């Protein structure tokens, strides 16, 4: 499933890929980021995200950690090989999985616990995009 922003202001802002298997959370993140002016493409799992990344360039990746096919950690590792400047924000409702992501401090810019607010997800993406290289979790 791919959703693109029709927000004209988003064209001037960052291009964000969202990978989230839960349709309700995915839609919430897409709407939050679009309302904040981002151009957004959303997919349902890590494999779909890799497919989209092979065709389009993104400024940021927002990914759930626990997903079918390719999880968020494997997705992040593969994505930064191709796009080393890609900013990554991870989201998860599982404390154990968030701890796994903390081992990727060189790659991940923010880790957000579910549930999160519209403001929290938008702030995390803005902060990740504004952070100097190497200024991660």
Protein backbone atom coordinates (compact mmCIF):
# COMPACT_ATOMS: atom_id res chain seq x y z
CA UNK A 1 0.00 0.00 0.00
CA UNK A 2 1.47 3.32 -1.01
CA UNK A 3 0.11 6.69 0.01
CA UNK A 4 1.57 9.90 -1.33
CA UNK A 5 1.07 13.38 -0.04
CA UNK A 6 -1.05 15.80 -2.02
CA UNK A 7 0.12 18.58 0.26
CA UNK A 8 1.76 21.25 -1.92
CA UNK A 9 3.83 22.47 1.01
CA UNK A 10 5.19 18.95 1.37
CA UNK A 11 6.86 19.19 -2.04
CA UNK A 12 9.34 21.68 -0.59
CA UNK A 13 9.83 19.59 2.57
CA UNK A 14 11.55 16.28 3.16
CA UNK A 15 10.46 13.07 1.46
CA UNK A 16 9.67 10.45 4.14
CA UNK A 17 9.13 6.69 3.80
CA UNK A 18 6.94 5.08 6.49
CA UNK A 19 7.14 1.31 7.02
CA UNK A 20 4.51 0.09 9.50
CA UNK A 21 2.51 -3.15 9.39
CA UNK A 22 -0.41 -1.94 11.53
CA UNK A 23 -2.79 -0.09 9.16
CA UNK A 24 -4.17 2.22 11.88
CA UNK A 25 -0.71 3.26 13.10
CA UNK A 26 0.53 3.62 9.51
CA UNK A 27 -2.37 5.92 8.62
CA UNK A 28 -1.87 7.95 11.81
CA UNK A 29 1.83 8.49 11.04
CA UNK A 30 1.11 9.37 7.40
CA UNK A 31 -1.54 11.93 8.34
CA UNK A 32 0.63 13.42 11.09
CA UNK A 33 3.62 13.86 8.78
CA UNK A 34 1.54 15.16 5.89
CA UNK A 35 -0.12 17.71 8.17
CA UNK A 36 3.39 18.83 9.15
CA UNK A 37 4.24 19.44 5.48
CA UNK A 38 6.19 16.30 4.64
CA UNK A 39 5.88 14.34 1.40
CA UNK A 40 5.08 10.78 2.54
CA UNK A 41 5.06 7.30 1.01
CA UNK A 42 3.82 4.46 3.24
CA UNK A 43 4.25 0.70 2.99
CA UNK A 44 3.14 -2.27 5.09
CA UNK A 45 6.46 -4.05 5.71
CA UNK A 46 10.21 -3.92 5.39
CA UNK A 47 10.38 -5.76 2.07
CA UNK A 48 8.00 -3.27 0.48
CA UNK A 49 10.14 -0.48 1.94
CA UNK A 50 13.28 -1.94 0.34
CA UNK A 51 11.46 -2.19 -2.99
CA UNK A 52 10.39 1.48 -2.80
CA UNK A 53 13.88 2.55 -1.68
CA UNK A 54 15.32 0.92 -4.78
CA UNK A 55 13.18 3.25 -6.94
CA UNK A 56 12.97 6.50 -4.95
CA UNK A 57 15.27 8.61 -2.82
CA UNK A 58 14.07 9.57 0.66
CA UNK A 59 15.36 11.96 3.29
CA UNK A 60 14.00 9.95 6.22
CA UNK A 61 12.68 6.51 7.06
CA UNK A 62 10.16 5.98 9.85
CA UNK A 63 9.94 2.28 10.57
CA UNK A 64 8.30 -0.03 13.05
CA UNK A 65 10.81 -2.46 14.53
CA UNK A 66 8.58 -5.55 14.55
CA UNK A 67 7.16 -6.26 11.06
CA UNK A 68 6.69 -9.32 8.85
CA UNK A 69 9.11 -10.26 6.07
CA UNK A 70 11.90 -7.79 6.87
CA UNK A 71 11.86 -6.20 10.33
CA UNK A 72 12.77 -2.58 10.99
CA UNK A 73 16.28 -3.35 12.18
CA UNK A 74 17.15 -5.38 9.07
CA UNK A 75 15.51 -2.66 6.98
CA UNK A 76 17.63 0.05 8.60
CA UNK A 77 20.84 -1.93 8.11
CA UNK A 78 20.08 -2.55 4.42
CA UNK A 79 18.81 0.98 3.74
CA UNK A 80 21.89 2.78 5.07
CA UNK A 81 24.17 0.67 2.91
CA UNK A 82 22.52 2.20 -0.14
CA UNK A 83 21.69 5.61 1.37
CA UNK A 84 24.23 6.42 4.10
CA UNK A 85 22.65 9.86 4.70
CA UNK A 86 19.15 8.46 5.26
CA UNK A 87 17.76 9.60 8.63
CA UNK A 88 16.04 6.79 10.54
CA UNK A 89 13.34 7.01 13.19
CA UNK A 90 12.22 3.72 14.73
CA UNK A 91 8.94 3.10 16.51
CA UNK A 92 7.94 0.14 18.65
CA UNK A 93 5.55 -0.93 21.35
CA UNK A 94 7.97 -3.57 22.63
CA UNK A 95 10.61 -2.52 25.17
CA UNK A 96 12.83 -5.50 24.29
CA UNK A 97 12.83 -4.49 20.61
CA UNK A 98 13.62 -0.88 21.49
CA UNK A 99 16.65 -2.17 23.38
CA UNK A 100 17.78 -4.08 20.24
CA UNK A 101 17.52 -0.84 18.27
CA UNK A 102 19.68 1.00 20.79
CA UNK A 103 22.54 -1.24 19.62
CA UNK A 104 22.26 0.56 16.27
CA UNK A 105 23.09 4.00 17.65
CA UNK A 106 25.30 4.80 14.65
CA UNK A 107 22.34 4.37 12.29
CA UNK A 108 19.18 5.31 14.18
CA UNK A 109 18.42 8.95 14.92
CA UNK A 110 15.42 8.46 17.22
CA UNK A 111 13.50 5.59 18.81
CA UNK A 112 9.92 6.31 19.84
CA UNK A 113 7.75 4.16 22.09
CA UNK A 114 4.17 3.39 21.11
CA UNK A 115 1.77 4.89 21.79
CA UNK A 116 3.02 8.27 20.66
CA UNK A 117 1.32 11.54 19.81
CA UNK A 118 1.11 13.40 16.52
CA UNK A 119 3.50 15.98 17.95
CA UNK A 120 6.02 13.34 19.07
CA UNK A 121 6.30 11.64 15.68
CA UNK A 122 6.58 14.95 13.80
CA UNK A 123 9.16 16.28 16.25
CA UNK A 124 11.20 13.07 15.97
CA UNK A 125 11.32 13.32 12.17
CA UNK A 126 12.17 17.03 12.24
CA UNK A 127 14.90 16.42 14.84
CA UNK A 128 16.36 13.54 12.83
CA UNK A 129 16.44 15.66 9.68
CA UNK A 130 17.99 18.62 11.52
CA UNK A 131 20.62 16.60 13.38
CA UNK A 132 24.21 16.86 12.20
CA UNK A 133 25.65 13.64 10.73
CA UNK A 134 26.62 11.16 13.40
CA UNK A 135 24.32 12.74 16.01
CA UNK A 136 22.10 9.74 16.59
CA UNK A 137 20.21 8.16 19.51
